Amino acid sequence: MIDTSVMVARLVTNHEFHALARPHVAEAARGRVPGIVLAETWAALRRAPWNLDLLIALTCRDHDLPLVTLDRRQSVLAAQIAGLEPTLLLPAG
């Protein structure tokens, strides 16, 4: 089983231990990753100095996936990324 530190290192491409963590996360994904690890990883990424919303939008663009959000801030950021047209589910206003 992996812990949050390994998951974060794998998800952050410029993390000093990204390459080291990569095969361990791949192996863990073949089995089960405990919910607490996912929850802690999400919390750690939300506190990080980079903009997680931007990472989500860039991931959608890179994989040619649509981005649907209820977050106005996310929608505004995503609209600025070439090749990505986000859908905001909230009414205008």
C-alpha atoms as a PDB file:
ATOM      1  CA  MET A   1       0.000   0.000   0.000  1.00  0.00           C
ATOM      2  CA  ILE A   2       1.196   3.524  -0.773  1.00  0.00           C
ATOM      3  CA  ASP A   3       0.702   6.569   1.396  1.00  0.00           C
ATOM      4  CA  THR A   4      -0.121  10.179   0.601  1.00  0.00           C
ATOM      5  CA  SER A   5       3.502  11.252   0.200  1.00  0.00           C
ATOM      6  CA  VAL A   6       3.996   8.766  -2.627  1.00  0.00           C
ATOM      7  CA  MET A   7       0.719   9.700  -4.319  1.00  0.00           C
ATOM      8  CA  VAL A   8       1.547  13.415  -4.228  1.00  0.00           C
ATOM      9  CA  ALA A   9       5.057  12.801  -5.578  1.00  0.00           C
ATOM     10  CA  ARG A  10       3.578  10.841  -8.479  1.00  0.00           C
ATOM     11  CA  LEU A  11       0.942  13.430  -9.330  1.00  0.00           C
ATOM     12  CA  VAL A  12       3.261  16.440  -9.244  1.00  0.00           C
ATOM     13  CA  THR A  13       5.480  16.079 -12.289  1.00  0.00           C
ATOM     14  CA  ASN A  14       8.185  18.436 -11.034  1.00  0.00           C
ATOM     15  CA  HIS A  15       8.343  16.776  -7.592  1.00  0.00           C
ATOM     16  CA  GLU A  16      11.879  15.655  -6.769  1.00  0.00           C
ATOM     17  CA  PHE A  17      10.688  12.057  -6.220  1.00  0.00           C
ATOM     18  CA  HIS A  18       8.203  11.881  -9.124  1.00  0.00           C
ATOM     19  CA  ALA A  19      10.129   9.205 -11.048  1.00  0.00           C
ATOM     20  CA  LEU A  20      10.723   7.168  -7.897  1.00  0.00           C
ATOM     21  CA  ALA A  21       7.023   7.212  -6.941  1.00  0.00           C
ATOM     22  CA  ARG A  22       5.651   6.504 -10.408  1.00  0.00           C
ATOM     23  CA  PRO A  23       5.981   2.677 -10.498  1.00  0.00           C
ATOM     24  CA  HIS A  24       4.661   2.318  -6.944  1.00  0.00           C
ATOM     25  CA  VAL A  25       1.490   4.255  -7.744  1.00  0.00           C
ATOM     26  CA  ALA A  26       1.017   2.253 -10.940  1.00  0.00           C
ATOM     27  CA  GLU A  27       1.316  -0.970  -8.944  1.00  0.00           C
ATOM     28  CA  ALA A  28      -1.086   0.287  -6.267  1.00  0.00           C
ATOM     29  CA  ALA A  29      -3.625   1.248  -8.939  1.00  0.00           C
ATOM     30  CA  ARG A  30      -3.778  -2.391 -10.032  1.00  0.00           C
ATOM     31  CA  GLY A  31      -5.121  -3.268  -6.616  1.00  0.00           C
ATOM     32  CA  ARG A  32      -6.716  -0.834  -4.236  1.00  0.00           C
ATOM     33  CA  VAL A  33      -5.789   2.602  -3.021  1.00  0.00           C
ATOM     34  CA  PRO A  34      -7.435   3.284   0.347  1.00  0.00           C
ATOM     35  CA  GLY A  35      -9.949   6.104   0.435  1.00  0.00           C
ATOM     36  CA  ILE A  36      -8.014   7.858   3.191  1.00  0.00           C
ATOM     37  CA  VAL A  37      -4.968   8.106   0.901  1.00  0.00           C
ATOM     38  CA  LEU A  38      -7.101   9.673  -1.822  1.00  0.00           C
ATOM     39  CA  ALA A  39      -8.728  12.076   0.648  1.00  0.00           C
ATOM     40  CA  GLU A  40      -5.394  13.126   2.159  1.00  0.00           C
ATOM     41  CA  THR A  41      -3.887  13.537  -1.321  1.00  0.00           C
ATOM     42  CA  TRP A  42      -6.762  15.777  -2.360  1.00  0.00           C
ATOM     43  CA  ALA A  43      -6.349  17.853   0.803  1.00  0.00           C
ATOM     44  CA  ALA A  44      -2.596  18.155   0.286  1.00  0.00           C
ATOM     45  CA  LEU A  45      -3.001  19.241  -3.318  1.00  0.00           C
ATOM     46  CA  ARG A  46      -5.646  21.810  -2.379  1.00  0.00           C
ATOM     47  CA  ARG A  47      -3.192  23.410   0.091  1.00  0.00           C
ATOM     48  CA  ALA A  48      -0.335  23.368  -2.402  1.00  0.00           C
ATOM     49  CA  PRO A  49       1.136  26.575  -3.805  1.00  0.00           C
ATOM     50  CA  TRP A  50      -0.042  25.788  -7.348  1.00  0.00           C
ATOM     51  CA  ASN A  51      -3.583  26.104  -8.645  1.00  0.00           C
ATOM     52  CA  LEU A  52      -5.252  22.666  -8.562  1.00  0.00           C
ATOM     53  CA  ASP A  53      -8.161  23.946 -10.640  1.00  0.00           C
ATOM     54  CA  LEU A  54      -5.707  24.783 -13.401  1.00  0.00           C
ATOM     55  CA  LEU A  55      -4.208  21.280 -13.222  1.00  0.00           C
ATOM     56  CA  ILE A  56      -7.661  19.758 -13.692  1.00  0.00           C
ATOM     57  CA  ALA A  57      -8.372  21.989 -16.691  1.00  0.00           C
ATOM     58  CA  LEU A  58      -4.998  21.209 -18.280  1.00  0.00           C
ATOM     59  CA  THR A  59      -5.559  17.487 -17.765  1.00  0.00           C
ATOM     60  CA  CYS A  60      -8.917  17.745 -19.546  1.00  0.00           C
ATOM     61  CA  ARG A  61      -7.303  19.608 -22.448  1.00  0.00           C
ATOM     62  CA  ASP A  62      -4.386  17.186 -22.704  1.00  0.00           C
ATOM     63  CA  HIS A  63      -6.730  14.190 -22.855  1.00  0.00           C
ATOM     64  CA  ASP A  64      -9.297  15.882 -25.106  1.00  0.00           C
ATOM     65  CA  LEU A  65     -11.969  15.599 -22.412  1.00  0.00           C
ATOM     66  CA  PRO A  66     -14.779  18.051 -21.742  1.00  0.00           C
ATOM     67  CA  LEU A  67     -14.706  20.009 -18.495  1.00  0.00           C
ATOM     68  CA  VAL A  68     -18.037  20.435 -16.736  1.00  0.00           C
ATOM     69  CA  THR A  69     -18.000  22.395 -13.501  1.00  0.00           C
ATOM     70  CA  LEU A  70     -20.116  24.119 -10.878  1.00  0.00           C
ATOM     71  CA  ASP A  71     -17.169  26.331  -9.936  1.00  0.00           C
ATOM     72  CA  ARG A  72     -17.279  29.783 -11.578  1.00  0.00           C
ATOM     73  CA  ARG A  73     -13.573  30.340 -10.857  1.00  0.00           C
ATOM     74  CA  GLN A  74     -12.685  27.033 -12.512  1.00  0.00           C
ATOM     75  CA  SER A  75     -14.784  27.952 -15.541  1.00  0.00           C
ATOM     76  CA  VAL A  76     -13.069  31.335 -15.942  1.00  0.00           C
ATOM     77  CA  LEU A  77      -9.600  29.792 -15.661  1.00  0.00           C
ATOM     78  CA  ALA A  78     -10.435  26.976 -18.062  1.00  0.00           C
ATOM     79  CA  ALA A  79     -11.897  29.363 -20.654  1.00  0.00           C
ATOM     80  CA  GLN A  80      -8.440  30.948 -20.931  1.00  0.00           C
ATOM     81  CA  ILE A  81      -6.840  27.660 -22.021  1.00  0.00           C
ATOM     82  CA  ALA A  82      -6.628  27.204 -25.778  1.00  0.00           C
ATOM     83  CA  GLY A  83      -8.379  24.061 -26.929  1.00  0.00           C
ATOM     84  CA  LEU A  84     -10.696  23.790 -23.925  1.00  0.00           C
ATOM     85  CA  GLU A  85     -14.275  25.011 -23.747  1.00  0.00           C
ATOM     86  CA  PRO A  86     -15.625  24.459 -20.238  1.00  0.00           C
ATOM     87  CA  THR A  87     -19.295  24.072 -19.412  1.00  0.00           C
ATOM     88  CA  LEU A  88     -20.515  25.922 -16.339  1.00  0.00           C
ATOM     89  CA  LEU A  89     -23.618  24.277 -14.947  1.00  0.00           C
ATOM     90  CA  LEU A  90     -24.645  27.319 -12.902  1.00  0.00           C
ATOM     91  CA  PRO A  91     -27.074  29.861 -14.323  1.00  0.00           C
ATOM     92  CA  ALA A  92     -25.527  33.103 -15.578  1.00  0.00           C
ATOM     93  CA  GLY A  93     -25.350  35.911 -13.078  1.00  0.00           C
END
